[in-house]
Every structure is written in C-alpha cells, then in structure tokens.
C-alpha cells in the first residue's frame, strides 16, 4: 500500500500575536523563513549524528562515538537557540517531524551499521550542509538583524571546528 506524506504548512512563516510583554524588534517574513531553514537543518543534524553514533563500527570506534556526541550537542544547542531566537523576534519555529523531513538540506543517512570512516565522510557532509545553509542566509540575516548574524557566526565556527576534528581521522599528511 502506498501512502503519501501530507506535509503540514510550516509555522516558521507565521507571526505571533503581540501581547503586553512582547515588544522590540520584529522579524520580517524573510528573516523568519531564513531562520526556519537553519532550524530544520540543525534538527536533522542532531538526528544524523545520533544515527551515526548508534551504528558505527570499526577502527577508532570509541573516539568517534564520543566525537559524534559533541556534534549532536552542538546541533541540539543550535536548534534550541535558533528556535528561541525566532520566538524572541515574534516568528514561530516549526520543528515537527514532517516539516524537518521535507525541508532540511542534509543527505539521507543509511540505516544499519556503518564503518567509522564512511560515517565520518557522511557526517562531515551533513555538517557541511548545515554550515552552507547558514552561510547562504547570512547576508540577508545580517542586513536585517546583526545580532542574529552573530549567532550564525558562533555556530558556523563551532561546526567547522567539528569538521576539522572529524575529517582529520581519515586524512593523510600532505608532503
């Protein structure tokens, strides 16, 4: 039996209702949409990192197992920080599974056991997708809200450091 996934409308493009405690800067629709893109990629990265963490086998298992937890922690912190930033700017984050599954930019991670070196390549690619999303939205975000751009800078730096840590495992020294 074939079923189609009915993807709900994303909430990230809606605004909140202003009440007594809400004031200050209000995100434009474009800023909300850009932050939604970052949010779904962070949520997907957390899932990819745990999938790899649970299923890696092979050389240097233990170190990679722990390093993947570092990536997952950054992804979890990032998703929470960007979702809360959206709320502070009166945009509505949407992290529902169907929305994340249909809108993130990460490649599908395989099911089952995966050799450590293949997992490294796939996780490095996933982290690269998240940083590419942040870099793609950066200039528009910075033009409207430099404070939020500073948050992007922090997470780009942290994730690119993880790429260095992970990819060093499979590199050969240059001569």
C-alpha atoms as a PDB file:
ATOM      1  CA  UNK A   1       0.000   0.000   0.000  1.00  0.00           C
ATOM      2  CA  UNK A   2       1.410   3.363  -0.982  1.00  0.00           C
ATOM      3  CA  UNK A   3       0.893   6.356   1.247  1.00  0.00           C
ATOM      4  CA  UNK A   4       1.823   9.933   0.600  1.00  0.00           C
ATOM      5  CA  UNK A   5       3.274  12.143   3.261  1.00  0.00           C
ATOM      6  CA  UNK A   6       0.974  15.032   3.967  1.00  0.00           C
ATOM      7  CA  UNK A   7       3.413  17.756   4.955  1.00  0.00           C
ATOM      8  CA  UNK A   8       1.894  20.393   7.200  1.00  0.00           C
ATOM      9  CA  UNK A   9       2.270  24.064   6.399  1.00  0.00           C
ATOM     10  CA  UNK A  10       5.391  25.425   8.066  1.00  0.00           C
ATOM     11  CA  UNK A  11       4.778  27.601  11.087  1.00  0.00           C
ATOM     12  CA  UNK A  12       8.061  29.477  10.736  1.00  0.00           C
ATOM     13  CA  UNK A  13       6.441  31.852   8.289  1.00  0.00           C
ATOM     14  CA  UNK A  14       3.683  32.940  10.658  1.00  0.00           C
ATOM     15  CA  UNK A  15       3.831  35.706  13.198  1.00  0.00           C
ATOM     16  CA  UNK A  16       2.960  35.634  16.860  1.00  0.00           C
ATOM     17  CA  UNK A  17       0.196  37.676  18.443  1.00  0.00           C
ATOM     18  CA  UNK A  18       1.519  40.727  20.257  1.00  0.00           C
ATOM     19  CA  UNK A  19       0.582  40.908  23.909  1.00  0.00           C
ATOM     20  CA  UNK A  20       1.624  43.063  26.848  1.00  0.00           C
ATOM     21  CA  UNK A  21       5.058  41.538  27.402  1.00  0.00           C
ATOM     22  CA  UNK A  22       6.062  41.478  23.734  1.00  0.00           C
ATOM     23  CA  UNK A  23       7.903  44.425  22.297  1.00  0.00           C
ATOM     24  CA  UNK A  24      11.084  45.247  20.441  1.00  0.00           C
ATOM     25  CA  UNK A  25      12.408  44.134  17.105  1.00  0.00           C
ATOM     26  CA  UNK A  26      10.087  42.062  14.930  1.00  0.00           C
ATOM     27  CA  UNK A  27      11.468  39.714  12.269  1.00  0.00           C
ATOM     28  CA  UNK A  28      10.310  40.153   8.708  1.00  0.00           C
ATOM     29  CA  UNK A  29       8.793  37.169   6.924  1.00  0.00           C
ATOM     30  CA  UNK A  30      12.102  36.682   5.088  1.00  0.00           C
ATOM     31  CA  UNK A  31      14.100  36.628   8.331  1.00  0.00           C
ATOM     32  CA  UNK A  32      11.679  34.108   9.846  1.00  0.00           C
ATOM     33  CA  UNK A  33      11.958  31.898   6.756  1.00  0.00           C
ATOM     34  CA  UNK A  34      15.764  32.054   6.819  1.00  0.00           C
ATOM     35  CA  UNK A  35      15.900  31.109  10.488  1.00  0.00           C
ATOM     36  CA  UNK A  36      13.437  28.275   9.839  1.00  0.00           C
ATOM     37  CA  UNK A  37      15.866  26.867   7.231  1.00  0.00           C
ATOM     38  CA  UNK A  38      18.663  26.906   9.792  1.00  0.00           C
ATOM     39  CA  UNK A  39      16.425  25.361  12.453  1.00  0.00           C
ATOM     40  CA  UNK A  40      15.358  22.330  10.393  1.00  0.00           C
ATOM     41  CA  UNK A  41      18.952  21.663   9.356  1.00  0.00           C
ATOM     42  CA  UNK A  42      20.091  21.682  12.992  1.00  0.00           C
ATOM     43  CA  UNK A  43      17.313  19.278  13.975  1.00  0.00           C
ATOM     44  CA  UNK A  44      18.232  16.975  11.086  1.00  0.00           C
ATOM     45  CA  UNK A  45      21.938  17.144  12.023  1.00  0.00           C
ATOM     46  CA  UNK A  46      21.116  16.036  15.554  1.00  0.00           C
ATOM     47  CA  UNK A  47      19.281  13.003  14.154  1.00  0.00           C
ATOM     48  CA  UNK A  48      22.066  12.159  11.684  1.00  0.00           C
ATOM     49  CA  UNK A  49      24.665  12.457  14.441  1.00  0.00           C
ATOM     50  CA  UNK A  50      22.763  10.059  16.709  1.00  0.00           C
ATOM     51  CA  UNK A  51      22.115   7.606  13.862  1.00  0.00           C
ATOM     52  CA  UNK A  52      25.860   7.505  13.187  1.00  0.00           C
ATOM     53  CA  UNK A  53      26.674   7.373  16.923  1.00  0.00           C
ATOM     54  CA  UNK A  54      24.476   4.318  17.464  1.00  0.00           C
ATOM     55  CA  UNK A  55      25.591   2.380  14.398  1.00  0.00           C
ATOM     56  CA  UNK A  56      29.298   2.985  13.788  1.00  0.00           C
ATOM     57  CA  UNK A  57      31.697   0.046  13.848  1.00  0.00           C
ATOM     58  CA  UNK A  58      35.354  -0.271  13.024  1.00  0.00           C
ATOM     59  CA  UNK A  59      38.660   1.487  13.599  1.00  0.00           C
ATOM     60  CA  UNK A  60      38.743   4.182  16.287  1.00  0.00           C
ATOM     61  CA  UNK A  61      35.134   3.432  17.264  1.00  0.00           C
ATOM     62  CA  UNK A  62      35.327   4.845  20.784  1.00  0.00           C
ATOM     63  CA  UNK A  63      36.823   8.225  19.876  1.00  0.00           C
ATOM     64  CA  UNK A  64      34.379   8.721  17.007  1.00  0.00           C
ATOM     65  CA  UNK A  65      31.488   7.573  19.201  1.00  0.00           C
ATOM     66  CA  UNK A  66      32.326  10.381  21.656  1.00  0.00           C
ATOM     67  CA  UNK A  67      33.066  12.967  18.947  1.00  0.00           C
ATOM     68  CA  UNK A  68      29.649  12.349  17.422  1.00  0.00           C
ATOM     69  CA  UNK A  69      28.107  13.246  20.772  1.00  0.00           C
ATOM     70  CA  UNK A  70      29.901  16.604  20.508  1.00  0.00           C
ATOM     71  CA  UNK A  71      28.297  17.198  17.103  1.00  0.00           C
ATOM     72  CA  UNK A  72      24.893  16.178  18.463  1.00  0.00           C
ATOM     73  CA  UNK A  73      25.283  18.515  21.445  1.00  0.00           C
ATOM     74  CA  UNK A  74      26.104  21.450  19.157  1.00  0.00           C
ATOM     75  CA  UNK A  75      23.143  20.608  16.908  1.00  0.00           C
ATOM     76  CA  UNK A  76      20.788  20.346  19.887  1.00  0.00           C
ATOM     77  CA  UNK A  77      22.020  23.637  21.339  1.00  0.00           C
ATOM     78  CA  UNK A  78      21.797  25.294  17.924  1.00  0.00           C
ATOM     79  CA  UNK A  79      18.250  24.158  17.245  1.00  0.00           C
ATOM     80  CA  UNK A  80      17.149  25.432  20.636  1.00  0.00           C
ATOM     81  CA  UNK A  81      18.989  28.728  20.282  1.00  0.00           C
ATOM     82  CA  UNK A  82      17.626  29.443  16.801  1.00  0.00           C
ATOM     83  CA  UNK A  83      14.075  28.420  17.776  1.00  0.00           C
ATOM     84  CA  UNK A  84      14.199  30.654  20.831  1.00  0.00           C
ATOM     85  CA  UNK A  85      15.669  33.495  18.771  1.00  0.00           C
ATOM     86  CA  UNK A  86      12.750  33.134  16.361  1.00  0.00           C
ATOM     87  CA  UNK A  87      10.309  33.389  19.270  1.00  0.00           C
ATOM     88  CA  UNK A  88      12.135  36.448  20.616  1.00  0.00           C
ATOM     89  CA  UNK A  89      11.660  38.046  17.182  1.00  0.00           C
ATOM     90  CA  UNK A  90       7.962  37.064  17.047  1.00  0.00           C
ATOM     91  CA  UNK A  91       8.376  34.300  14.451  1.00  0.00           C
ATOM     92  CA  UNK A  92       7.106  30.781  15.030  1.00  0.00           C
ATOM     93  CA  UNK A  93       9.636  27.929  14.792  1.00  0.00           C
ATOM     94  CA  UNK A  94       8.431  24.673  13.293  1.00  0.00           C
ATOM     95  CA  UNK A  95      10.305  21.521  14.238  1.00  0.00           C
ATOM     96  CA  UNK A  96       7.597  18.977  13.508  1.00  0.00           C
ATOM     97  CA  UNK A  97       8.994  15.733  12.048  1.00  0.00           C
ATOM     98  CA  UNK A  98       7.209  16.049   8.688  1.00  0.00           C
ATOM     99  CA  UNK A  99       8.453  19.619   8.243  1.00  0.00           C
ATOM    100  CA  UNK A 100      12.020  18.700   9.182  1.00  0.00           C
ATOM    101  CA  UNK A 101      11.950  15.638   6.906  1.00  0.00           C
ATOM    102  CA  UNK A 102      10.647  17.573   3.917  1.00  0.00           C
ATOM    103  CA  UNK A 103      12.683  20.776   4.188  1.00  0.00           C
ATOM    104  CA  UNK A 104      16.173  20.010   5.520  1.00  0.00           C
ATOM    105  CA  UNK A 105      19.191  20.043   3.185  1.00  0.00           C
ATOM    106  CA  UNK A 106      21.058  17.026   4.581  1.00  0.00           C
ATOM    107  CA  UNK A 107      21.555  13.845   2.563  1.00  0.00           C
ATOM    108  CA  UNK A 108      19.769  10.736   3.794  1.00  0.00           C
ATOM    109  CA  UNK A 109      21.914   8.767   6.250  1.00  0.00           C
ATOM    110  CA  UNK A 110      21.916   4.987   5.737  1.00  0.00           C
ATOM    111  CA  UNK A 111      20.190   2.573   8.072  1.00  0.00           C
ATOM    112  CA  UNK A 112      22.163  -0.094   9.913  1.00  0.00           C
ATOM    113  CA  UNK A 113      25.805  -0.492  10.810  1.00  0.00           C
ATOM    114  CA  UNK A 114      28.278   1.801   9.115  1.00  0.00           C
ATOM    115  CA  UNK A 115      32.068   1.709   9.058  1.00  0.00           C
ATOM    116  CA  UNK A 116      33.655   4.553  11.023  1.00  0.00           C
ATOM    117  CA  UNK A 117      35.420   6.056   8.003  1.00  0.00           C
ATOM    118  CA  UNK A 118      32.246   6.089   5.900  1.00  0.00           C
ATOM    119  CA  UNK A 119      30.337   7.611   8.819  1.00  0.00           C
ATOM    120  CA  UNK A 120      32.963  10.345   9.101  1.00  0.00           C
ATOM    121  CA  UNK A 121      32.538  11.248   5.432  1.00  0.00           C
ATOM    122  CA  UNK A 122      28.747  11.305   5.744  1.00  0.00           C
ATOM    123  CA  UNK A 123      28.694  13.327   8.966  1.00  0.00           C
ATOM    124  CA  UNK A 124      31.233  15.800   7.552  1.00  0.00           C
ATOM    125  CA  UNK A 125      28.922  16.192   4.558  1.00  0.00           C
ATOM    126  CA  UNK A 126      25.905  16.700   6.852  1.00  0.00           C
ATOM    127  CA  UNK A 127      27.733  19.341   8.886  1.00  0.00           C
ATOM    128  CA  UNK A 128      28.773  20.967   5.606  1.00  0.00           C
ATOM    129  CA  UNK A 129      25.121  21.171   4.568  1.00  0.00           C
ATOM    130  CA  UNK A 130      24.200  22.953   7.791  1.00  0.00           C
ATOM    131  CA  UNK A 131      27.061  25.436   7.516  1.00  0.00           C
ATOM    132  CA  UNK A 132      26.200  26.004   3.847  1.00  0.00           C
ATOM    133  CA  UNK A 133      22.630  26.875   4.847  1.00  0.00           C
ATOM    134  CA  UNK A 134      23.882  29.300   7.489  1.00  0.00           C
ATOM    135  CA  UNK A 135      26.294  30.906   5.024  1.00  0.00           C
ATOM    136  CA  UNK A 136      23.549  31.117   2.369  1.00  0.00           C
ATOM    137  CA  UNK A 137      21.192  33.035   4.671  1.00  0.00           C
ATOM    138  CA  UNK A 138      23.915  35.027   6.450  1.00  0.00           C
ATOM    139  CA  UNK A 139      23.974  38.215   4.395  1.00  0.00           C
ATOM    140  CA  UNK A 140      20.199  38.628   4.384  1.00  0.00           C
ATOM    141  CA  UNK A 141      20.058  37.906   8.127  1.00  0.00           C
ATOM    142  CA  UNK A 142      22.928  40.312   8.822  1.00  0.00           C
ATOM    143  CA  UNK A 143      21.283  43.084   6.810  1.00  0.00           C
ATOM    144  CA  UNK A 144      18.126  42.847   8.910  1.00  0.00           C
ATOM    145  CA  UNK A 145      19.452  41.695  12.286  1.00  0.00           C
ATOM    146  CA  UNK A 146      23.199  41.750  13.048  1.00  0.00           C
ATOM    147  CA  UNK A 147      22.524  40.222  16.467  1.00  0.00           C
ATOM    148  CA  UNK A 148      21.142  37.065  14.880  1.00  0.00           C
ATOM    149  CA  UNK A 149      24.039  37.068  12.396  1.00  0.00           C
ATOM    150  CA  UNK A 150      26.378  36.896  15.401  1.00  0.00           C
ATOM    151  CA  UNK A 151      24.630  33.685  16.464  1.00  0.00           C
ATOM    152  CA  UNK A 152      25.198  32.298  12.964  1.00  0.00           C
ATOM    153  CA  UNK A 153      28.913  33.163  13.271  1.00  0.00           C
ATOM    154  CA  UNK A 154      29.215  31.240  16.530  1.00  0.00           C
ATOM    155  CA  UNK A 155      27.626  28.089  15.149  1.00  0.00           C
ATOM    156  CA  UNK A 156      29.492  28.211  11.842  1.00  0.00           C
ATOM    157  CA  UNK A 157      32.750  28.365  13.817  1.00  0.00           C
ATOM    158  CA  UNK A 158      31.760  25.521  16.149  1.00  0.00           C
ATOM    159  CA  UNK A 159      30.602  23.235  13.352  1.00  0.00           C
ATOM    160  CA  UNK A 160      33.600  23.930  11.134  1.00  0.00           C
ATOM    161  CA  UNK A 161      35.828  23.014  14.067  1.00  0.00           C
ATOM    162  CA  UNK A 162      33.969  19.695  14.298  1.00  0.00           C
ATOM    163  CA  UNK A 163      34.579  19.098  10.582  1.00  0.00           C
ATOM    164  CA  UNK A 164      38.283  19.575  11.224  1.00  0.00           C
ATOM    165  CA  UNK A 165      38.205  17.155  14.176  1.00  0.00           C
ATOM    166  CA  UNK A 166      36.232  14.522  12.260  1.00  0.00           C
ATOM    167  CA  UNK A 167      37.981  14.762   8.907  1.00  0.00           C
ATOM    168  CA  UNK A 168      41.456  14.614  10.490  1.00  0.00           C
ATOM    169  CA  UNK A 169      40.657  10.972  11.270  1.00  0.00           C
ATOM    170  CA  UNK A 170      40.693   9.977   7.580  1.00  0.00           C
ATOM    171  CA  UNK A 171      43.235  12.439   6.157  1.00  0.00           C
ATOM    172  CA  UNK A 172      46.790  11.688   5.128  1.00  0.00           C
ATOM    173  CA  UNK A 173      49.512  14.247   5.760  1.00  0.00           C
ATOM    174  CA  UNK A 174      50.471  16.405   2.796  1.00  0.00           C
ATOM    175  CA  UNK A 175      54.082  16.038   1.712  1.00  0.00           C
END
